[in-house]
Amino acid sequence: MDDNTVLTTQEVADMLKIAKNTVYELIKRGELNSYKAGKKVRIDLNDVLEYKNRTMTIQPVRNSASDKQNISVQSKAHVEATKNNGFVICGQDIILDILSRYLQYHANGVQALRSYVGSYNGLYALYHGEVQISSVHLWDSDTNEYNIPYVKHMLPGIPAVIIHLATRIQGFYVPKGNPKGIKGWEDLKRKDIAIINREKGSGTRVLLDEHLKTLGIDANGIEGYHRESTSHLAIASTVARGGADIGLGNEKTAQQVSDVDFIPLQTEQLDLVVKKEDINRPEIQAVIEILNTKEFQLEIQGIGGYNIENMGKVITEA
C-alpha cells in the first residue's frame, strides 16, 4: 500500500486488529479522520498511520480546573528513557528527526528517543524530567513574543536555555481556488466556515486560541473547533478532500498536498528548550554543534519552508 491508499472501515479494523464498530466509534469521537464516498465511509491510509503514531506516544488529558492538558500517561519511550538514562527529544517537526539522525553519529552524540507531542506538553514533560530537549513554538498574544513567556511560566524555579532552530510561516489551508474567499483571522467569525483543528497542547492550537481571545471570538461558536487532528499533513489533507473550509498549519505542508491553497498569516519562531543544568552535557553540546554545522543547515535549507538564520544560537536564558 502507498500513502494515497483509501481504506474501508473493515480494512481499517483488520489493520488495527479491532472490531469494525470500534472504527466507527473512533470516527465519531474525532480520533480518526474519515469522509464519505457516496454513502460509504472511507479512511485514508495516512490518517490510520497518523492515528497509530499518536496513540503510541503520550496521551494528554484535560485538567478540568485549568482547562489545559497535562501529561498523565508516559509513553514507552519515556519509561525506557527514565529506566536506562535515555535521551529524549520532544516535538513534532521534521527538523528534530533529522537532528536525531545527526546526533546518533556525532562523536559525543547518542541514539536519541523521539516523543511526538506538541509544544505545551513538551514543556510539561521537560519540567518533570521525562525529556531532555523540548521544541517550542508558542505565541503569547499579551507580549507578542514567542516561547519565552511560556518557558518562564511552565518551568517555575528551573533556569532554562532557549536555542534557536528556525522560523517558518503559519497560515490557513483552504480548498484550491479559495472558494469562500478566506482572507484572515476575522473570517473565523463567519457562520459559513467549518474548520479542522489541531490538538490542545500543540503550538498551532495555542496560536489559534490566542488569536480568538484577542478578537473576542467564542471558540464554541466555530463549526469544527472541537474536531482535532495531530499533524499539519492530516489537517491539510482534510481540507483538500473537502472535510473543512479552513485548517491552520505551516507553509511547507501546503506545498506537499494537492488541492489546497495557503494563506500566510504569521511568522513563527521554532526553538529548543533545555534545562540550564544540562547545558554542558556532552549530548546537549553535540546538538548545539550539529545545529551550527554547514552540512546540517544545508540539509534543512534544502527541505524548504524554513528560515535558518541564527540556527543554533543561544537566544536567551529564562
Protein backbone atom coordinates (compact mmCIF):
# COMPACT_ATOMS: atom_id res chain seq x y z
CA MET A 1 0.00 0.00 0.00
CA ASP A 2 1.22 3.52 -0.77
CA ASP A 3 0.46 6.68 1.19
CA ASN A 4 -2.52 7.51 -1.08
CA THR A 5 -4.36 4.24 -0.34
CA VAL A 6 -8.03 4.62 0.61
CA LEU A 7 -9.41 2.06 3.08
CA THR A 8 -12.85 0.80 4.06
CA THR A 9 -13.85 0.63 7.72
CA GLN A 10 -13.42 -3.17 7.64
CA GLU A 11 -9.91 -2.83 6.23
CA VAL A 12 -9.05 -0.34 8.98
CA ALA A 13 -10.47 -2.70 11.58
CA ASP A 14 -8.34 -5.55 10.21
CA MET A 15 -5.27 -3.32 10.11
CA LEU A 16 -5.69 -2.16 13.73
CA LYS A 17 -6.96 -5.57 14.89
CA ILE A 18 -10.12 -4.07 16.37
CA ALA A 19 -13.85 -4.51 15.77
CA LYS A 20 -15.46 -2.64 12.89
CA ASN A 21 -17.81 -0.92 15.38
CA THR A 22 -14.74 0.41 17.20
CA VAL A 23 -13.59 2.08 13.99
CA TYR A 24 -16.94 3.91 13.78
CA GLU A 25 -16.58 4.90 17.44
CA LEU A 26 -13.10 6.35 16.79
CA ILE A 27 -14.53 8.35 13.88
CA LYS A 28 -17.48 9.54 15.98
CA ARG A 29 -15.12 10.75 18.74
CA GLY A 30 -12.99 12.62 16.20
CA GLU A 31 -9.94 10.43 16.87
CA LEU A 32 -9.78 9.10 13.32
CA ASN A 33 -10.40 11.22 10.22
CA SER A 34 -12.82 9.92 7.60
CA TYR A 35 -15.01 11.09 4.73
CA LYS A 36 -17.98 9.93 2.70
CA ALA A 37 -17.74 8.45 -0.82
CA GLY A 38 -21.40 8.35 -1.70
CA LYS A 39 -22.96 6.54 1.26
CA LYS A 40 -19.77 4.69 2.19
CA VAL A 41 -17.26 5.77 4.84
CA ARG A 42 -13.65 5.87 3.66
CA ILE A 43 -10.39 6.49 5.53
CA ASP A 44 -7.02 7.47 4.06
CA LEU A 45 -4.09 5.23 4.98
CA ASN A 46 -2.18 8.35 6.06
CA ASP A 47 -4.83 9.05 8.70
CA VAL A 48 -4.68 5.48 10.02
CA LEU A 49 -0.88 5.66 10.31
CA GLU A 50 -1.14 9.06 11.98
CA TYR A 51 -3.64 7.63 14.49
CA LYS A 52 -1.31 4.71 15.25
CA ASN A 53 1.67 7.02 15.77
CA ARG A 54 -0.35 9.30 18.01
CA THR A 55 -1.56 6.51 20.26
CA MET A 56 1.96 5.17 20.69
CA THR A 57 3.10 8.43 22.32
CA ILE A 58 1.95 10.39 25.36
CA GLN A 59 -1.81 10.64 25.72
CA PRO A 60 -2.71 14.08 27.10
CA VAL A 61 -5.75 14.56 29.32
CA ARG A 62 -7.73 17.63 30.21
CA ASN A 63 -7.19 19.32 33.56
CA SER A 64 -10.74 20.37 34.36
CA ALA A 65 -9.54 23.01 36.82
CA SER A 66 -7.46 24.95 34.31
CA ASP A 67 -8.78 23.56 31.01
CA LYS A 68 -5.21 22.84 29.99
CA GLN A 69 -3.80 19.47 29.03
CA ASN A 70 -1.27 17.74 31.23
CA ILE A 71 0.56 14.53 30.59
CA SER A 72 -0.73 11.71 32.76
CA VAL A 73 0.47 8.65 30.89
CA GLN A 74 4.11 8.28 29.91
CA SER A 75 4.97 6.86 26.52
CA LYS A 76 7.04 3.71 26.33
CA ALA A 77 9.89 5.88 25.12
CA HIS A 78 9.72 7.96 28.29
CA VAL A 79 9.56 4.92 30.52
CA GLU A 80 12.58 3.34 28.85
CA ALA A 81 14.46 6.65 28.87
CA THR A 82 13.94 7.04 32.61
CA LYS A 83 14.93 3.43 33.24
CA ASN A 84 18.02 3.44 31.04
CA ASN A 85 19.13 7.09 31.44
CA GLY A 86 18.00 7.64 27.86
CA PHE A 87 17.94 10.90 25.93
CA VAL A 88 14.58 12.12 24.60
CA ILE A 89 13.93 14.93 22.12
CA CYS A 90 10.34 16.11 22.24
CA GLY A 91 8.44 17.75 19.39
CA GLN A 92 6.79 17.11 16.05
CA ASP A 93 8.84 19.00 13.45
CA ILE A 94 10.86 17.08 10.85
CA ILE A 95 13.96 19.10 11.80
CA LEU A 96 14.02 17.12 15.04
CA ASP A 97 14.02 13.80 13.20
CA ILE A 98 16.97 14.94 11.11
CA LEU A 99 18.72 16.26 14.21
CA SER A 100 18.28 12.88 15.91
CA ARG A 101 19.93 11.17 12.94
CA TYR A 102 22.92 13.51 13.07
CA LEU A 103 23.16 13.11 16.84
CA GLN A 104 23.40 9.34 16.53
CA TYR A 105 26.63 9.65 14.53
CA HIS A 106 28.24 12.57 16.38
CA ALA A 107 31.38 11.78 18.38
CA ASN A 108 29.70 12.92 21.60
CA GLY A 109 26.20 12.04 20.50
CA VAL A 110 23.66 9.44 21.48
CA GLN A 111 20.82 7.48 19.90
CA ALA A 112 18.02 9.82 20.86
CA LEU A 113 14.47 8.70 21.51
CA ARG A 114 11.71 10.82 19.99
CA SER A 115 8.44 11.89 21.62
CA TYR A 116 5.91 13.33 19.17
CA VAL A 117 3.84 15.65 21.34
CA GLY A 118 3.11 19.35 20.98
CA SER A 119 4.95 22.31 22.49
CA TYR A 120 2.84 22.74 25.62
CA ASN A 121 3.02 19.08 26.60
CA GLY A 122 6.71 19.01 25.68
CA LEU A 123 7.49 21.74 28.22
CA TYR A 124 5.42 19.87 30.79
CA ALA A 125 7.48 16.73 30.13
CA LEU A 126 10.72 18.74 30.40
CA TYR A 127 9.60 20.13 33.76
CA HIS A 128 9.03 16.60 35.05
CA GLY A 129 12.37 15.33 33.76
CA GLU A 130 10.79 12.98 31.22
CA VAL A 131 12.65 14.55 28.26
CA GLN A 132 15.95 16.36 27.88
CA ILE A 133 15.05 18.68 24.99
CA SER A 134 11.68 20.11 24.01
CA SER A 135 10.93 22.08 20.87
CA VAL A 136 8.51 25.01 21.23
CA HIS A 137 6.61 27.44 19.01
CA LEU A 138 4.19 29.08 21.44
CA TRP A 139 2.94 32.61 20.75
CA ASP A 140 1.82 34.85 23.60
CA SER A 141 -0.66 37.49 22.46
CA ASP A 142 -0.13 39.70 25.53
CA THR A 143 3.58 40.24 24.83
CA ASN A 144 3.64 39.36 21.10
CA GLU A 145 6.57 37.10 21.96
CA TYR A 146 7.31 33.51 21.12
CA ASN A 147 8.27 30.90 23.70
CA ILE A 148 9.95 32.96 26.47
CA PRO A 149 6.71 33.71 28.41
CA TYR A 150 5.71 30.04 28.32
CA VAL A 151 9.14 28.78 29.36
CA LYS A 152 9.13 31.13 32.35
CA HIS A 153 5.61 30.09 33.34
CA MET A 154 5.89 26.35 32.78
CA LEU A 155 9.35 25.79 34.23
CA PRO A 156 8.94 27.67 37.52
CA GLY A 157 12.13 27.80 39.53
CA ILE A 158 14.08 25.97 36.81
CA PRO A 159 16.62 28.06 34.86
CA ALA A 160 16.37 27.17 31.18
CA VAL A 161 18.23 27.91 27.97
CA ILE A 162 16.44 28.60 24.68
CA ILE A 163 18.31 27.66 21.48
CA HIS A 164 17.01 28.96 18.15
CA LEU A 165 16.10 26.49 15.42
CA ALA A 166 14.29 28.33 12.63
CA THR A 167 11.34 30.47 11.66
CA ARG A 168 8.51 29.35 9.41
CA ILE A 169 5.22 30.73 8.11
CA GLN A 170 1.92 29.69 9.68
CA GLY A 171 -1.34 30.25 7.87
CA PHE A 172 -4.64 28.84 6.66
CA TYR A 173 -5.03 25.85 4.38
CA VAL A 174 -8.09 26.42 2.19
CA PRO A 175 -9.52 24.41 -0.74
CA LYS A 176 -7.94 25.10 -4.12
CA GLY A 177 -9.15 28.41 -5.51
CA ASN A 178 -10.26 29.57 -2.04
CA PRO A 179 -14.00 29.30 -2.91
CA LYS A 180 -15.17 31.06 0.26
CA GLY A 181 -12.77 33.98 -0.10
CA ILE A 182 -10.93 33.43 3.18
CA LYS A 183 -8.54 36.29 3.99
CA GLY A 184 -7.52 36.07 7.64
CA TRP A 185 -8.37 35.58 11.31
CA GLU A 186 -11.53 37.72 11.11
CA ASP A 187 -13.12 35.12 8.83
CA LEU A 188 -13.41 32.82 11.83
CA LYS A 189 -16.39 34.97 12.90
CA ARG A 190 -18.34 33.77 9.86
CA LYS A 191 -21.09 31.19 10.31
CA ASP A 192 -20.48 29.54 6.92
CA ILE A 193 -16.96 28.41 7.84
CA ALA A 194 -16.03 24.96 9.19
CA ILE A 195 -12.55 24.24 10.48
CA ILE A 196 -10.39 21.24 11.35
CA ASN A 197 -8.37 21.98 14.49
CA ARG A 198 -5.06 20.85 15.95
CA GLU A 199 -4.93 19.06 19.30
CA LYS A 200 -4.69 21.00 22.55
CA GLY A 201 -1.10 21.47 23.60
CA SER A 202 0.25 22.00 20.09
CA GLY A 203 1.81 25.35 19.23
CA THR A 204 -0.60 25.68 16.30
CA ARG A 205 -3.62 25.26 18.60
CA VAL A 206 -2.20 27.83 21.02
CA LEU A 207 -1.72 30.25 18.11
CA LEU A 208 -5.37 29.86 17.09
CA ASP A 209 -6.69 30.18 20.64
CA GLU A 210 -4.61 33.30 21.31
CA HIS A 211 -5.99 35.00 18.20
CA LEU A 212 -9.55 34.00 19.10
CA LYS A 213 -9.01 35.56 22.53
CA THR A 214 -7.62 38.75 21.00
CA LEU A 215 -10.55 39.06 18.57
CA GLY A 216 -13.17 38.15 21.19
CA ILE A 217 -14.39 35.15 19.17
CA ASP A 218 -16.21 32.38 21.05
CA ALA A 219 -14.46 29.16 20.06
CA ASN A 220 -17.61 27.14 20.74
CA GLY A 221 -19.38 29.07 18.00
CA ILE A 222 -16.94 27.89 15.33
CA GLU A 223 -18.09 24.79 13.47
CA GLY A 224 -15.45 22.07 13.74
CA TYR A 225 -13.48 23.75 16.53
CA HIS A 226 -13.61 20.60 18.69
CA ARG A 227 -12.67 18.29 15.82
CA GLU A 228 -8.95 17.63 16.22
CA SER A 229 -6.06 16.10 14.31
CA THR A 230 -2.42 15.81 15.30
CA SER A 231 -0.34 16.81 12.28
CA HIS A 232 -0.11 19.54 9.67
CA LEU A 233 -0.35 16.88 6.95
CA ALA A 234 -3.60 15.45 8.30
CA ILE A 235 -5.07 18.96 8.60
CA ALA A 236 -4.14 19.93 5.04
CA SER A 237 -5.41 16.58 3.68
CA THR A 238 -8.77 17.07 5.39
CA VAL A 239 -9.17 20.49 3.76
CA ALA A 240 -8.04 19.12 0.38
CA ARG A 241 -10.74 16.45 0.34
CA GLY A 242 -13.50 18.87 1.38
CA GLY A 243 -13.70 17.93 5.05
CA ALA A 244 -13.26 21.53 6.21
CA ASP A 245 -13.04 25.07 4.84
CA ILE A 246 -10.02 26.05 6.94
CA GLY A 247 -7.10 24.36 8.65
CA LEU A 248 -4.18 26.06 10.36
CA GLY A 249 -0.64 24.87 9.68
CA ASN A 250 2.73 25.66 8.15
CA GLU A 251 3.53 26.66 4.59
CA LYS A 252 5.80 23.67 3.90
CA THR A 253 2.97 21.18 4.28
CA ALA A 254 0.76 23.15 1.88
CA GLN A 255 3.42 22.57 -0.77
CA GLN A 256 3.14 18.82 -0.22
CA VAL A 257 -0.64 18.47 -0.53
CA SER A 258 -2.51 18.97 -3.77
CA ASP A 259 -5.84 20.78 -3.97
CA VAL A 260 -5.09 23.26 -1.18
CA ASP A 261 -4.05 26.90 -1.24
CA PHE A 262 -2.12 28.60 1.55
CA ILE A 263 -2.92 31.98 3.12
CA PRO A 264 0.12 33.21 5.10
CA LEU A 265 -0.74 34.80 8.45
CA GLN A 266 2.20 34.83 10.83
CA THR A 267 5.92 34.11 11.05
CA GLU A 268 6.51 31.79 13.97
CA GLN A 269 9.68 31.03 15.91
CA LEU A 270 10.72 27.42 16.47
CA ASP A 271 13.19 26.92 19.33
CA LEU A 272 14.68 24.23 21.55
CA VAL A 273 14.49 24.41 25.35
CA VAL A 274 16.88 22.66 27.73
CA LYS A 275 17.43 22.97 31.44
CA LYS A 276 20.42 25.18 32.20
CA GLU A 277 21.85 22.49 34.49
CA ASP A 278 22.08 20.21 31.43
CA ILE A 279 23.66 22.68 29.00
CA ASN A 280 27.16 21.25 29.44
CA ARG A 281 26.11 17.63 28.97
CA PRO A 282 28.03 16.14 26.03
CA GLU A 283 24.79 15.32 24.21
CA ILE A 284 23.45 18.87 24.51
CA GLN A 285 26.75 20.34 23.37
CA ALA A 286 26.68 17.90 20.44
CA VAL A 287 23.20 19.18 19.50
CA ILE A 288 24.44 22.79 19.50
CA GLU A 289 27.47 21.83 17.41
CA ILE A 290 25.30 19.99 14.88
CA LEU A 291 22.89 22.92 14.53
CA ASN A 292 25.81 25.19 13.71
CA THR A 293 27.35 22.96 11.04
CA LYS A 294 27.04 23.91 7.38
CA GLU A 295 26.11 20.32 6.48
CA PHE A 296 23.07 20.25 8.78
CA GLN A 297 21.92 23.74 7.82
CA LEU A 298 22.16 22.98 4.10
CA GLU A 299 20.03 19.86 4.57
CA ILE A 300 17.32 21.86 6.36
CA GLN A 301 17.54 24.63 3.79
CA GLY A 302 17.11 22.02 1.05
CA ILE A 303 13.79 20.88 2.54
CA GLY A 304 12.35 24.35 2.07
CA GLY A 305 9.85 26.25 4.19
CA TYR A 306 12.32 27.34 6.89
CA ASN A 307 14.40 30.45 7.52
CA ILE A 308 17.52 29.11 9.27
CA GLU A 309 19.18 32.43 10.09
CA ASN A 310 20.72 32.22 13.60
CA MET A 311 20.08 28.48 13.82
CA GLY A 312 21.91 27.00 16.80
CA LYS A 313 22.36 30.32 18.60
CA VAL A 314 21.51 30.59 22.29
CA ILE A 315 18.97 33.39 22.23
CA THR A 316 18.18 33.70 25.90
CA GLU A 317 18.32 32.15 29.35
CA ALA A 318 14.94 32.11 31.05
